Amino acid sequence: MHTFRPAIIAMLLLILAAAPGVSGADPAPGLRTSHGKPPPLALLVLAGKRHSLDDYRGSVVLVNFFGTWCPSCLQEMPGLLLLAAALKDQPFTVLAVDVGDSPARLRQVFGAQREAFTILLDSGGMAARVWKAQGFPTSFVIDPEGHIRFSAQGPVQWDDPKVGRQIVALLPKAPAAAAGDRHAPGPAARPASGGRKPQPDRDPQAGHRER
């Protein structure tokens, strides 16, 4: 895995340029409109702490079921890393649910890039079955209220600005400013405390903070 800093900046500009005009009724390529409440999700991360989907209420969450043994999963991973990095200061989280890999294998494949999102360990594939992931990769985009808005079976070009704009359109809006306040926060302002991401865990084998 590599660092894509210039591409991250360019992608973020493209995403934000047209985000206000995006309609959720017209999904970007690879995504399909979905509805309903997601199943429970509570798994360990690489550092050993349990994370739950409920911890991220108030943020947009992209749940991605993958495995490093899956060529299509590896195909979409650079774009997913770009998206996560481009929106790292927004109320947006990627929960990458790995099915079947060992922690050592994940550290080897991702290196420092694993800090871009939270990797959950679904060693026996139970969560994938509960979420009815029929193949890999399978993804779900969940809005701040906890409802599934989009899903995808198969790889998605996550660094496509059209995809990014669909996700940005779901982000919680900043509260309206009081009348006469000329310094109102813009649409990219952070949400209230209810949308804060859980603090990352420290991975004793990595020598740095692990999400």
N, C-alpha and C. Protein backbone atom coordinates (compact mmCIF):
# COMPACT_ATOMS: atom_id res chain seq x y z
N MET A 1 0.85 -1.19 0.00
CA MET A 1 0.00 0.00 0.00
C MET A 1 0.89 1.25 0.00
N HIS A 2 0.41 2.33 -0.62
CA HIS A 2 1.20 3.53 -0.75
C HIS A 2 0.41 4.73 -0.25
N THR A 3 1.10 5.85 -0.08
CA THR A 3 0.46 7.10 0.30
C THR A 3 0.06 7.85 -0.96
N PHE A 4 -1.15 8.39 -0.98
CA PHE A 4 -1.69 9.02 -2.17
C PHE A 4 -2.01 10.49 -1.91
N ARG A 5 -1.14 11.24 -1.21
CA ARG A 5 -1.50 12.56 -0.75
C ARG A 5 -1.96 13.51 -1.87
N PRO A 6 -1.24 13.64 -2.99
CA PRO A 6 -1.74 14.54 -4.04
C PRO A 6 -3.10 14.10 -4.57
N ALA A 7 -3.29 12.79 -4.73
CA ALA A 7 -4.57 12.29 -5.22
C ALA A 7 -5.68 12.54 -4.21
N ILE A 8 -5.36 12.45 -2.93
CA ILE A 8 -6.35 12.70 -1.88
C ILE A 8 -6.86 14.13 -1.97
N ILE A 9 -5.94 15.08 -2.11
CA ILE A 9 -6.32 16.49 -2.18
C ILE A 9 -7.18 16.75 -3.41
N ALA A 10 -6.75 16.22 -4.56
CA ALA A 10 -7.52 16.42 -5.79
C ALA A 10 -8.90 15.80 -5.69
N MET A 11 -8.98 14.61 -5.10
CA MET A 11 -10.26 13.94 -4.98
C MET A 11 -11.20 14.71 -4.06
N LEU A 12 -10.68 15.21 -2.94
CA LEU A 12 -11.51 15.95 -2.00
C LEU A 12 -12.09 17.20 -2.66
N LEU A 13 -11.30 17.89 -3.45
CA LEU A 13 -11.79 19.07 -4.14
C LEU A 13 -12.90 18.72 -5.12
N LEU A 14 -12.74 17.61 -5.83
CA LEU A 14 -13.77 17.19 -6.78
C LEU A 14 -15.06 16.80 -6.07
N ILE A 15 -14.92 16.11 -4.94
CA ILE A 15 -16.09 15.67 -4.17
C ILE A 15 -16.88 16.87 -3.67
N LEU A 16 -16.17 17.83 -3.06
CA LEU A 16 -16.85 18.95 -2.42
C LEU A 16 -17.37 19.97 -3.43
N ALA A 17 -16.83 19.94 -4.64
CA ALA A 17 -17.21 20.94 -5.64
C ALA A 17 -18.69 20.89 -5.99
N ALA A 18 -19.27 19.69 -6.04
CA ALA A 18 -20.65 19.55 -6.47
C ALA A 18 -21.52 18.82 -5.47
N ALA A 19 -21.04 18.63 -4.27
CA ALA A 19 -21.80 17.85 -3.28
C ALA A 19 -23.20 18.38 -3.01
N PRO A 20 -23.41 19.72 -2.89
CA PRO A 20 -24.76 20.21 -2.54
C PRO A 20 -25.83 19.85 -3.54
N GLY A 21 -25.45 19.58 -4.79
CA GLY A 21 -26.47 19.30 -5.81
C GLY A 21 -26.76 17.84 -6.02
N VAL A 22 -26.19 16.98 -5.20
CA VAL A 22 -26.37 15.54 -5.40
C VAL A 22 -27.72 15.09 -4.89
N SER A 23 -28.36 14.23 -5.62
CA SER A 23 -29.64 13.65 -5.20
C SER A 23 -29.44 12.19 -4.83
N GLY A 24 -29.94 11.79 -3.65
CA GLY A 24 -29.82 10.42 -3.22
C GLY A 24 -30.66 9.47 -4.05
N ALA A 25 -31.54 9.99 -4.90
CA ALA A 25 -32.39 9.12 -5.70
C ALA A 25 -31.66 8.56 -6.91
N ASP A 26 -30.47 9.07 -7.20
CA ASP A 26 -29.72 8.64 -8.37
C ASP A 26 -28.35 8.15 -7.94
N PRO A 27 -28.23 6.87 -7.52
CA PRO A 27 -26.97 6.38 -6.97
C PRO A 27 -25.84 6.45 -7.98
N ALA A 28 -24.64 6.63 -7.46
CA ALA A 28 -23.44 6.63 -8.29
C ALA A 28 -23.18 5.21 -8.79
N PRO A 29 -22.35 5.08 -9.83
CA PRO A 29 -22.04 3.75 -10.38
C PRO A 29 -21.53 2.79 -9.32
N GLY A 30 -22.09 1.58 -9.31
CA GLY A 30 -21.68 0.56 -8.36
C GLY A 30 -22.52 0.52 -7.11
N LEU A 31 -23.26 1.61 -6.82
CA LEU A 31 -24.11 1.64 -5.63
C LEU A 31 -25.56 1.47 -6.02
N ARG A 32 -26.32 0.83 -5.16
CA ARG A 32 -27.76 0.73 -5.39
C ARG A 32 -28.47 1.23 -4.14
N THR A 33 -29.59 1.89 -4.36
CA THR A 33 -30.37 2.42 -3.24
C THR A 33 -30.90 1.27 -2.39
N SER A 34 -30.74 1.37 -1.08
CA SER A 34 -31.21 0.35 -0.15
C SER A 34 -31.93 1.02 1.01
N HIS A 35 -32.67 0.22 1.74
CA HIS A 35 -33.44 0.74 2.87
C HIS A 35 -33.40 -0.29 4.00
N GLY A 36 -33.72 0.17 5.18
CA GLY A 36 -33.83 -0.73 6.32
C GLY A 36 -32.75 -0.48 7.35
N LYS A 37 -32.90 -1.17 8.48
CA LYS A 37 -31.95 -1.08 9.57
C LYS A 37 -30.89 -2.15 9.41
N PRO A 38 -29.63 -1.83 9.65
CA PRO A 38 -28.58 -2.83 9.55
C PRO A 38 -28.60 -3.79 10.73
N PRO A 39 -28.11 -5.01 10.54
CA PRO A 39 -27.98 -5.93 11.67
C PRO A 39 -26.95 -5.41 12.67
N PRO A 40 -26.91 -5.99 13.86
CA PRO A 40 -25.88 -5.59 14.83
C PRO A 40 -24.48 -5.92 14.28
N LEU A 41 -23.51 -5.15 14.72
CA LEU A 41 -22.12 -5.41 14.33
C LEU A 41 -21.23 -4.99 15.49
N ALA A 42 -20.56 -5.96 16.10
CA ALA A 42 -19.66 -5.70 17.21
C ALA A 42 -18.52 -6.72 17.14
N LEU A 43 -17.33 -6.24 16.79
CA LEU A 43 -16.18 -7.13 16.58
C LEU A 43 -14.93 -6.48 17.16
N LEU A 44 -13.87 -7.30 17.30
CA LEU A 44 -12.59 -6.80 17.77
C LEU A 44 -11.83 -6.14 16.64
N VAL A 45 -11.05 -5.12 16.99
CA VAL A 45 -10.11 -4.52 16.05
C VAL A 45 -8.74 -5.16 16.27
N LEU A 46 -7.75 -4.78 15.46
CA LEU A 46 -6.43 -5.39 15.55
C LEU A 46 -5.81 -5.23 16.93
N ALA A 47 -6.07 -4.10 17.58
CA ALA A 47 -5.48 -3.85 18.90
C ALA A 47 -6.20 -4.61 20.01
N GLY A 48 -7.30 -5.27 19.69
CA GLY A 48 -7.96 -6.12 20.66
C GLY A 48 -9.19 -5.56 21.31
N LYS A 49 -9.53 -4.28 21.04
CA LYS A 49 -10.72 -3.68 21.65
C LYS A 49 -11.94 -3.92 20.78
N ARG A 50 -13.08 -4.13 21.42
CA ARG A 50 -14.32 -4.36 20.68
C ARG A 50 -14.92 -3.03 20.23
N HIS A 51 -15.28 -2.96 18.95
CA HIS A 51 -15.97 -1.81 18.38
C HIS A 51 -17.35 -2.24 17.92
N SER A 52 -18.33 -1.36 18.10
CA SER A 52 -19.70 -1.63 17.70
C SER A 52 -20.16 -0.59 16.70
N LEU A 53 -20.99 -0.99 15.78
CA LEU A 53 -21.58 -0.04 14.83
C LEU A 53 -22.32 1.07 15.57
N ASP A 54 -22.93 0.74 16.70
CA ASP A 54 -23.67 1.74 17.47
C ASP A 54 -22.77 2.86 17.98
N ASP A 55 -21.46 2.59 18.09
CA ASP A 55 -20.53 3.62 18.55
C ASP A 55 -20.44 4.79 17.58
N TYR A 56 -20.88 4.58 16.34
CA TYR A 56 -20.68 5.58 15.28
C TYR A 56 -21.97 6.28 14.90
N ARG A 57 -23.01 6.17 15.73
CA ARG A 57 -24.25 6.86 15.44
C ARG A 57 -24.00 8.37 15.36
N GLY A 58 -24.56 9.01 14.35
CA GLY A 58 -24.31 10.41 14.12
C GLY A 58 -23.32 10.66 13.00
N SER A 59 -22.66 9.60 12.54
CA SER A 59 -21.74 9.69 11.42
C SER A 59 -22.24 8.83 10.27
N VAL A 60 -21.77 9.12 9.07
CA VAL A 60 -21.99 8.22 7.94
C VAL A 60 -20.96 7.10 8.06
N VAL A 61 -21.42 5.86 7.93
CA VAL A 61 -20.55 4.70 8.09
C VAL A 61 -20.60 3.85 6.83
N LEU A 62 -19.43 3.50 6.32
CA LEU A 62 -19.32 2.58 5.19
C LEU A 62 -18.81 1.26 5.75
N VAL A 63 -19.67 0.24 5.76
CA VAL A 63 -19.29 -1.10 6.21
C VAL A 63 -18.90 -1.90 4.98
N ASN A 64 -17.65 -2.35 4.96
CA ASN A 64 -17.10 -3.05 3.80
C ASN A 64 -16.58 -4.41 4.22
N PHE A 65 -17.21 -5.49 3.72
CA PHE A 65 -16.76 -6.85 4.00
C PHE A 65 -15.73 -7.24 2.94
N PHE A 66 -14.56 -7.67 3.38
CA PHE A 66 -13.48 -7.96 2.44
C PHE A 66 -12.56 -9.04 3.00
N GLY A 67 -11.62 -9.48 2.18
CA GLY A 67 -10.56 -10.38 2.61
C GLY A 67 -9.36 -10.15 1.72
N THR A 68 -8.16 -10.28 2.26
CA THR A 68 -6.98 -10.08 1.42
C THR A 68 -6.79 -11.22 0.43
N TRP A 69 -7.50 -12.32 0.62
CA TRP A 69 -7.46 -13.45 -0.30
C TRP A 69 -8.37 -13.22 -1.51
N CYS A 70 -9.11 -12.11 -1.52
CA CYS A 70 -10.11 -11.80 -2.54
C CYS A 70 -9.54 -10.77 -3.52
N PRO A 71 -9.26 -11.17 -4.79
CA PRO A 71 -8.68 -10.23 -5.76
C PRO A 71 -9.54 -8.98 -5.97
N SER A 72 -10.86 -9.12 -6.01
CA SER A 72 -11.73 -7.96 -6.22
C SER A 72 -11.66 -7.00 -5.04
N CYS A 73 -11.48 -7.55 -3.84
CA CYS A 73 -11.36 -6.71 -2.65
C CYS A 73 -10.09 -5.87 -2.73
N LEU A 74 -9.00 -6.50 -3.12
CA LEU A 74 -7.74 -5.77 -3.24
C LEU A 74 -7.81 -4.76 -4.37
N GLN A 75 -8.60 -5.06 -5.40
CA GLN A 75 -8.77 -4.14 -6.53
C GLN A 75 -9.39 -2.82 -6.09
N GLU A 76 -10.40 -2.88 -5.20
CA GLU A 76 -11.08 -1.65 -4.79
C GLU A 76 -10.42 -0.97 -3.60
N MET A 77 -9.46 -1.64 -2.94
CA MET A 77 -8.91 -1.11 -1.70
C MET A 77 -8.20 0.24 -1.85
N PRO A 78 -7.40 0.48 -2.90
CA PRO A 78 -6.77 1.82 -3.01
C PRO A 78 -7.79 2.95 -3.07
N GLY A 79 -8.90 2.76 -3.79
CA GLY A 79 -9.94 3.78 -3.84
C GLY A 79 -10.61 3.98 -2.50
N LEU A 80 -10.79 2.89 -1.75
CA LEU A 80 -11.40 2.98 -0.42
C LEU A 80 -10.48 3.74 0.53
N LEU A 81 -9.18 3.49 0.43
CA LEU A 81 -8.22 4.22 1.25
C LEU A 81 -8.24 5.71 0.91
N LEU A 82 -8.34 6.02 -0.38
CA LEU A 82 -8.39 7.41 -0.80
C LEU A 82 -9.63 8.11 -0.23
N LEU A 83 -10.78 7.46 -0.33
CA LEU A 83 -12.02 8.04 0.17
C LEU A 83 -11.92 8.29 1.66
N ALA A 84 -11.45 7.29 2.40
CA ALA A 84 -11.33 7.43 3.86
C ALA A 84 -10.39 8.57 4.23
N ALA A 85 -9.28 8.69 3.51
CA ALA A 85 -8.31 9.74 3.81
C ALA A 85 -8.86 11.12 3.43
N ALA A 86 -9.57 11.20 2.30
CA ALA A 86 -10.11 12.48 1.85
C ALA A 86 -11.15 13.02 2.82
N LEU A 87 -11.89 12.13 3.49
CA LEU A 87 -12.97 12.55 4.39
C LEU A 87 -12.62 12.33 5.86
N LYS A 88 -11.33 12.26 6.16
CA LYS A 88 -10.93 11.90 7.53
C LYS A 88 -11.34 12.97 8.55
N ASP A 89 -11.55 14.21 8.12
CA ASP A 89 -11.95 15.26 9.05
C ASP A 89 -13.46 15.48 9.07
N GLN A 90 -14.18 14.61 8.41
CA GLN A 90 -15.64 14.69 8.35
C GLN A 90 -16.25 13.61 9.26
N PRO A 91 -17.53 13.72 9.61
CA PRO A 91 -18.20 12.67 10.39
C PRO A 91 -18.48 11.46 9.49
N PHE A 92 -17.41 10.79 9.10
CA PHE A 92 -17.47 9.66 8.19
C PHE A 92 -16.47 8.61 8.64
N THR A 93 -16.88 7.34 8.64
CA THR A 93 -16.03 6.25 9.09
C THR A 93 -16.17 5.06 8.15
N VAL A 94 -15.05 4.42 7.86
CA VAL A 94 -15.05 3.15 7.15
C VAL A 94 -14.80 2.05 8.18
N LEU A 95 -15.73 1.11 8.28
CA LEU A 95 -15.53 -0.10 9.06
C LEU A 95 -15.25 -1.23 8.07
N ALA A 96 -13.98 -1.58 7.94
CA ALA A 96 -13.56 -2.62 7.00
C ALA A 96 -13.56 -3.94 7.75
N VAL A 97 -14.54 -4.79 7.44
CA VAL A 97 -14.71 -6.05 8.17
C VAL A 97 -13.97 -7.15 7.42
N ASP A 98 -12.83 -7.56 7.98
CA ASP A 98 -12.03 -8.59 7.34
C ASP A 98 -12.55 -9.98 7.71
N VAL A 99 -12.70 -10.81 6.69
CA VAL A 99 -13.23 -12.16 6.88
C VAL A 99 -12.11 -13.17 6.60
N GLY A 100 -11.60 -13.78 7.67
CA GLY A 100 -10.73 -14.93 7.49
C GLY A 100 -9.24 -14.69 7.56
N ASP A 101 -8.77 -13.44 7.61
CA ASP A 101 -7.33 -13.18 7.68
C ASP A 101 -6.85 -13.10 9.13
N SER A 102 -5.59 -13.39 9.33
CA SER A 102 -4.99 -13.24 10.65
C SER A 102 -4.57 -11.79 10.85
N PRO A 103 -4.46 -11.33 12.10
CA PRO A 103 -3.96 -9.98 12.34
C PRO A 103 -2.58 -9.75 11.73
N ALA A 104 -1.72 -10.76 11.78
CA ALA A 104 -0.38 -10.61 11.20
C ALA A 104 -0.46 -10.36 9.70
N ARG A 105 -1.35 -11.07 9.02
CA ARG A 105 -1.52 -10.89 7.59
C ARG A 105 -2.01 -9.47 7.28
N LEU A 106 -2.92 -8.96 8.06
CA LEU A 106 -3.46 -7.62 7.82
C LEU A 106 -2.39 -6.55 8.05
N ARG A 107 -1.58 -6.72 9.08
CA ARG A 107 -0.50 -5.78 9.31
C ARG A 107 0.51 -5.80 8.16
N GLN A 108 0.75 -7.00 7.63
CA GLN A 108 1.69 -7.13 6.53
C GLN A 108 1.16 -6.44 5.27
N VAL A 109 -0.12 -6.63 4.97
CA VAL A 109 -0.69 -6.10 3.73
C VAL A 109 -0.86 -4.59 3.80
N PHE A 110 -1.37 -4.08 4.91
CA PHE A 110 -1.73 -2.66 4.99
C PHE A 110 -0.63 -1.78 5.53
N GLY A 111 0.22 -2.30 6.40
CA GLY A 111 1.24 -1.45 6.99
C GLY A 111 0.61 -0.26 7.68
N ALA A 112 1.22 0.92 7.52
CA ALA A 112 0.72 2.13 8.17
C ALA A 112 -0.59 2.59 7.57
N GLN A 113 -0.94 2.13 6.37
CA GLN A 113 -2.18 2.57 5.72
C GLN A 113 -3.41 2.09 6.47
N ARG A 114 -3.26 1.11 7.36
CA ARG A 114 -4.43 0.62 8.10
C ARG A 114 -4.97 1.69 9.03
N GLU A 115 -4.22 2.77 9.28
CA GLU A 115 -4.72 3.87 10.10
C GLU A 115 -5.82 4.65 9.39
N ALA A 116 -5.97 4.44 8.07
CA ALA A 116 -6.97 5.20 7.31
C ALA A 116 -8.39 4.82 7.71
N PHE A 117 -8.60 3.59 8.17
CA PHE A 117 -9.93 3.19 8.60
C PHE A 117 -9.83 2.13 9.69
N THR A 118 -10.98 1.74 10.22
CA THR A 118 -11.03 0.76 11.30
C THR A 118 -11.23 -0.63 10.71
N ILE A 119 -10.30 -1.54 11.01
CA ILE A 119 -10.40 -2.91 10.54
C ILE A 119 -10.97 -3.77 11.65
N LEU A 120 -12.10 -4.40 11.38
CA LEU A 120 -12.74 -5.32 12.32
C LEU A 120 -12.47 -6.75 11.91
N LEU A 121 -12.30 -7.65 12.88
CA LEU A 121 -11.93 -9.03 12.61
C LEU A 121 -13.13 -9.95 12.69
N ASP A 122 -13.54 -10.48 11.55
CA ASP A 122 -14.65 -11.44 11.48
C ASP A 122 -14.05 -12.79 11.09
N SER A 123 -13.27 -13.36 12.00
CA SER A 123 -12.46 -14.53 11.67
C SER A 123 -13.28 -15.71 11.16
N GLY A 124 -14.42 -15.97 11.78
CA GLY A 124 -15.23 -17.10 11.38
C GLY A 124 -16.29 -16.78 10.34
N GLY A 125 -16.41 -15.52 9.93
CA GLY A 125 -17.38 -15.12 8.93
C GLY A 125 -18.80 -15.02 9.42
N MET A 126 -19.00 -15.02 10.74
CA MET A 126 -20.36 -14.96 11.28
C MET A 126 -21.05 -13.64 10.94
N ALA A 127 -20.33 -12.53 11.11
CA ALA A 127 -20.93 -11.22 10.81
C ALA A 127 -21.29 -11.13 9.33
N ALA A 128 -20.44 -11.64 8.46
CA ALA A 128 -20.73 -11.61 7.03
C ALA A 128 -22.01 -12.37 6.71
N ARG A 129 -22.23 -13.48 7.41
CA ARG A 129 -23.46 -14.25 7.18
C ARG A 129 -24.68 -13.51 7.70
N VAL A 130 -24.55 -12.89 8.87
CA VAL A 130 -25.67 -12.14 9.45
C VAL A 130 -26.05 -10.97 8.54
N TRP A 131 -25.05 -10.33 7.93
CA TRP A 131 -25.29 -9.20 7.04
C TRP A 131 -25.65 -9.66 5.62
N LYS A 132 -25.66 -10.97 5.41
CA LYS A 132 -26.03 -11.56 4.11
C LYS A 132 -25.12 -11.06 2.98
N ALA A 133 -23.82 -11.03 3.31
CA ALA A 133 -22.84 -10.71 2.29
C ALA A 133 -22.70 -11.92 1.38
N GLN A 134 -23.25 -11.86 0.18
CA GLN A 134 -23.31 -13.01 -0.72
C GLN A 134 -22.02 -13.22 -1.48
N GLY A 135 -21.15 -12.27 -1.45
CA GLY A 135 -19.86 -12.36 -2.11
C GLY A 135 -18.95 -11.29 -1.57
N PHE A 136 -17.76 -11.23 -2.07
CA PHE A 136 -16.81 -10.26 -1.56
C PHE A 136 -16.17 -9.50 -2.73
N PRO A 137 -16.03 -8.18 -2.55
CA PRO A 137 -16.47 -7.38 -1.40
C PRO A 137 -17.96 -7.09 -1.45
N THR A 138 -18.54 -6.85 -0.28
CA THR A 138 -19.92 -6.36 -0.15
C THR A 138 -19.89 -5.15 0.78
N SER A 139 -20.61 -4.09 0.39
CA SER A 139 -20.54 -2.85 1.15
C SER A 139 -21.93 -2.29 1.44
N PHE A 140 -22.01 -1.54 2.53
CA PHE A 140 -23.25 -0.87 2.94
C PHE A 140 -22.90 0.54 3.41
N VAL A 141 -23.66 1.52 2.95
CA VAL A 141 -23.48 2.90 3.41
C VAL A 141 -24.65 3.23 4.32
N ILE A 142 -24.33 3.63 5.55
CA ILE A 142 -25.33 3.85 6.60
C ILE A 142 -25.34 5.32 6.97
N ASP A 143 -26.52 5.92 7.03
CA ASP A 143 -26.62 7.35 7.31
C ASP A 143 -26.49 7.64 8.81
N PRO A 144 -26.39 8.91 9.20
CA PRO A 144 -26.19 9.25 10.62
C PRO A 144 -27.30 8.78 11.55
N GLU A 145 -28.49 8.54 11.01
CA GLU A 145 -29.59 8.05 11.84
C GLU A 145 -29.59 6.53 11.97
N GLY A 146 -28.64 5.86 11.32
CA GLY A 146 -28.52 4.41 11.46
C GLY A 146 -29.31 3.62 10.45
N HIS A 147 -29.63 4.19 9.29
CA HIS A 147 -30.36 3.48 8.24
C HIS A 147 -29.46 3.20 7.05
N ILE A 148 -29.63 2.02 6.46
CA ILE A 148 -28.89 1.70 5.24
C ILE A 148 -29.43 2.55 4.09
N ARG A 149 -28.56 3.24 3.39
CA ARG A 149 -28.98 4.07 2.26
C ARG A 149 -28.51 3.52 0.92
N PHE A 150 -27.33 2.92 0.90
CA PHE A 150 -26.80 2.32 -0.32
C PHE A 150 -26.13 0.99 0.02
N SER A 151 -26.07 0.11 -0.97
CA SER A 151 -25.33 -1.14 -0.82
C SER A 151 -24.67 -1.47 -2.15
N ALA A 152 -23.72 -2.37 -2.09
CA ALA A 152 -23.00 -2.77 -3.30
C ALA A 152 -22.49 -4.19 -3.14
N GLN A 153 -22.68 -5.00 -4.15
CA GLN A 153 -22.08 -6.33 -4.21
C GLN A 153 -21.04 -6.30 -5.31
N GLY A 154 -19.79 -6.56 -4.94
CA GLY A 154 -18.71 -6.44 -5.89
C GLY A 154 -17.95 -5.15 -5.67
N PRO A 155 -16.84 -4.98 -6.36
CA PRO A 155 -15.99 -3.80 -6.15
C PRO A 155 -16.65 -2.52 -6.62
N VAL A 156 -16.36 -1.44 -5.91
CA VAL A 156 -16.84 -0.10 -6.24
C VAL A 156 -15.62 0.80 -6.42
N GLN A 157 -15.67 1.70 -7.35
CA GLN A 157 -14.60 2.68 -7.53
C GLN A 157 -14.82 3.81 -6.53
N TRP A 158 -14.36 3.60 -5.31
CA TRP A 158 -14.65 4.53 -4.22
C TRP A 158 -14.01 5.89 -4.42
N ASP A 159 -12.98 5.98 -5.26
CA ASP A 159 -12.37 7.28 -5.50
C ASP A 159 -13.01 8.01 -6.67
N ASP A 160 -14.11 7.48 -7.21
CA ASP A 160 -14.89 8.20 -8.21
C ASP A 160 -15.60 9.37 -7.51
N PRO A 161 -15.40 10.60 -7.95
CA PRO A 161 -16.05 11.74 -7.29
C PRO A 161 -17.57 11.60 -7.18
N LYS A 162 -18.21 10.91 -8.13
CA LYS A 162 -19.66 10.72 -8.06
C LYS A 162 -20.03 9.90 -6.82
N VAL A 163 -19.22 8.92 -6.51
CA VAL A 163 -19.46 8.11 -5.31
C VAL A 163 -19.24 8.96 -4.06
N GLY A 164 -18.13 9.72 -4.06
CA GLY A 164 -17.85 10.56 -2.91
C GLY A 164 -18.93 11.58 -2.65
N ARG A 165 -19.50 12.14 -3.71
CA ARG A 165 -20.55 13.15 -3.53
C ARG A 165 -21.81 12.53 -2.94
N GLN A 166 -22.11 11.29 -3.30
CA GLN A 166 -23.27 10.62 -2.70
C GLN A 166 -23.08 10.49 -1.19
N ILE A 167 -21.86 10.18 -0.78
CA ILE A 167 -21.59 10.02 0.64
C ILE A 167 -21.60 11.37 1.35
N VAL A 168 -20.98 12.38 0.74
CA VAL A 168 -20.96 13.72 1.34
C VAL A 168 -22.38 14.25 1.51
N ALA A 169 -23.27 13.92 0.57
CA ALA A 169 -24.65 14.39 0.66
C ALA A 169 -25.37 13.83 1.88
N LEU A 170 -24.88 12.73 2.45
CA LEU A 170 -25.49 12.13 3.63
C LEU A 170 -24.94 12.69 4.94
N LEU A 171 -23.84 13.41 4.87
CA LEU A 171 -23.22 13.91 6.10
C LEU A 171 -24.16 14.84 6.84
N PRO A 172 -24.15 14.79 8.18
CA PRO A 172 -25.03 15.70 8.95
C PRO A 172 -24.65 17.14 8.68
N LYS A 173 -25.67 17.96 8.54
CA LYS A 173 -25.45 19.38 8.27
C LYS A 173 -25.15 20.12 9.56
N ALA A 174 -24.35 21.18 9.44
CA ALA A 174 -24.07 22.02 10.61
C ALA A 174 -25.34 22.74 11.02
N PRO A 175 -25.53 23.00 12.33
CA PRO A 175 -26.72 23.73 12.77
C PRO A 175 -26.74 25.13 12.19
N ALA A 176 -27.95 25.62 11.92
CA ALA A 176 -28.09 26.97 11.37
C ALA A 176 -27.59 28.00 12.38
N ALA A 177 -26.96 29.04 11.90
CA ALA A 177 -26.43 30.08 12.78
C ALA A 177 -27.56 30.99 13.26
N ALA A 178 -27.34 31.61 14.38
CA ALA A 178 -28.32 32.55 14.89
C ALA A 178 -28.42 33.73 13.95
N ALA A 179 -29.57 34.38 13.94
CA ALA A 179 -29.78 35.53 13.05
C ALA A 179 -28.75 36.60 13.33
N GLY A 180 -28.19 37.14 12.26
CA GLY A 180 -27.21 38.20 12.39
C GLY A 180 -25.79 37.71 12.57
N ASP A 181 -25.58 36.39 12.68
CA ASP A 181 -24.23 35.85 12.83
C ASP A 181 -23.59 35.73 11.46
N ARG A 182 -22.59 36.52 11.20
CA ARG A 182 -21.95 36.51 9.90
C ARG A 182 -20.89 35.43 9.79
N HIS A 183 -20.64 34.73 10.87
CA HIS A 183 -19.59 33.71 10.86
C HIS A 183 -20.21 32.33 11.05
N ALA A 184 -21.24 32.06 10.30
CA ALA A 184 -21.92 30.77 10.42
C ALA A 184 -21.00 29.66 9.94
N PRO A 185 -21.02 28.49 10.59
CA PRO A 185 -20.19 27.38 10.14
C PRO A 185 -20.66 26.89 8.79
N GLY A 186 -19.72 26.47 7.96
CA GLY A 186 -20.04 25.95 6.63
C GLY A 186 -20.50 24.53 6.70
N PRO A 187 -20.84 23.93 5.55
CA PRO A 187 -21.37 22.57 5.53
C PRO A 187 -20.37 21.53 5.94
N ALA A 188 -19.08 21.86 5.98
CA ALA A 188 -18.09 20.87 6.34
C ALA A 188 -17.77 20.88 7.83
N ALA A 189 -18.50 21.71 8.63
CA ALA A 189 -18.23 21.78 10.06
C ALA A 189 -18.51 20.45 10.73
N ARG A 190 -17.83 20.17 11.83
CA ARG A 190 -18.03 18.91 12.54
C ARG A 190 -19.39 18.87 13.23
N PRO A 191 -19.96 17.69 13.42
CA PRO A 191 -21.25 17.58 14.09
C PRO A 191 -21.10 17.75 15.58
N ALA A 192 -22.24 17.73 16.27
CA ALA A 192 -22.22 17.78 17.72
C ALA A 192 -21.53 16.56 18.27
N SER A 193 -21.31 16.54 19.59
CA SER A 193 -20.50 15.49 20.21
C SER A 193 -21.06 14.11 19.95
N GLY A 194 -22.34 13.98 19.67
CA GLY A 194 -22.91 12.67 19.43
C GLY A 194 -22.36 12.00 18.19
N GLY A 195 -21.73 12.78 17.28
CA GLY A 195 -21.20 12.20 16.07
C GLY A 195 -19.71 11.97 16.11
N ARG A 196 -19.07 12.12 17.28
CA ARG A 196 -17.63 11.93 17.36
C ARG A 196 -17.26 10.46 17.20
N LYS A 197 -16.15 10.24 16.54
CA LYS A 197 -15.67 8.87 16.37
C LYS A 197 -15.06 8.38 17.67
N PRO A 198 -15.14 7.08 17.95
CA PRO A 198 -14.46 6.55 19.13
C PRO A 198 -12.96 6.79 19.01
N GLN A 199 -12.30 6.96 20.14
CA GLN A 199 -10.87 7.16 20.13
C GLN A 199 -10.18 5.90 19.63
N PRO A 200 -9.15 6.06 18.78
CA PRO A 200 -8.44 4.89 18.27
C PRO A 200 -7.71 4.16 19.37
N ASP A 201 -7.50 2.86 19.18
CA ASP A 201 -6.78 2.05 20.14
C ASP A 201 -5.31 2.02 19.78
N ARG A 202 -4.48 1.67 20.72
CA ARG A 202 -3.06 1.54 20.45
C ARG A 202 -2.75 0.07 20.19
N ASP A 203 -2.15 -0.20 19.04
CA ASP A 203 -1.75 -1.54 18.67
C ASP A 203 -0.34 -1.78 19.21
N PRO A 204 -0.16 -2.66 20.19
CA PRO A 204 1.15 -2.85 20.79
C PRO A 204 2.19 -3.33 19.80
N GLN A 205 1.76 -3.96 18.68
CA GLN A 205 2.72 -4.47 17.71
C GLN A 205 3.04 -3.46 16.63
N ALA A 206 2.30 -2.36 16.59
CA ALA A 206 2.48 -1.40 15.49
C ALA A 206 3.36 -0.22 15.89
N GLY A 207 3.42 0.10 17.17
CA GLY A 207 4.23 1.21 17.59
C GLY A 207 3.58 2.56 17.34
N HIS A 208 2.29 2.54 16.97
CA HIS A 208 1.56 3.78 16.78
C HIS A 208 0.09 3.52 17.02
N ARG A 209 -0.69 4.58 16.96
CA ARG A 209 -2.12 4.45 17.28
C ARG A 209 -2.83 3.68 16.20
N GLU A 210 -3.75 2.81 16.62
CA GLU A 210 -4.50 1.96 15.71
C GLU A 210 -5.96 2.22 15.87
N ARG A 211 -6.68 2.32 14.78
CA ARG A 211 -8.12 2.56 14.87
C ARG A 211 -8.86 1.26 14.81
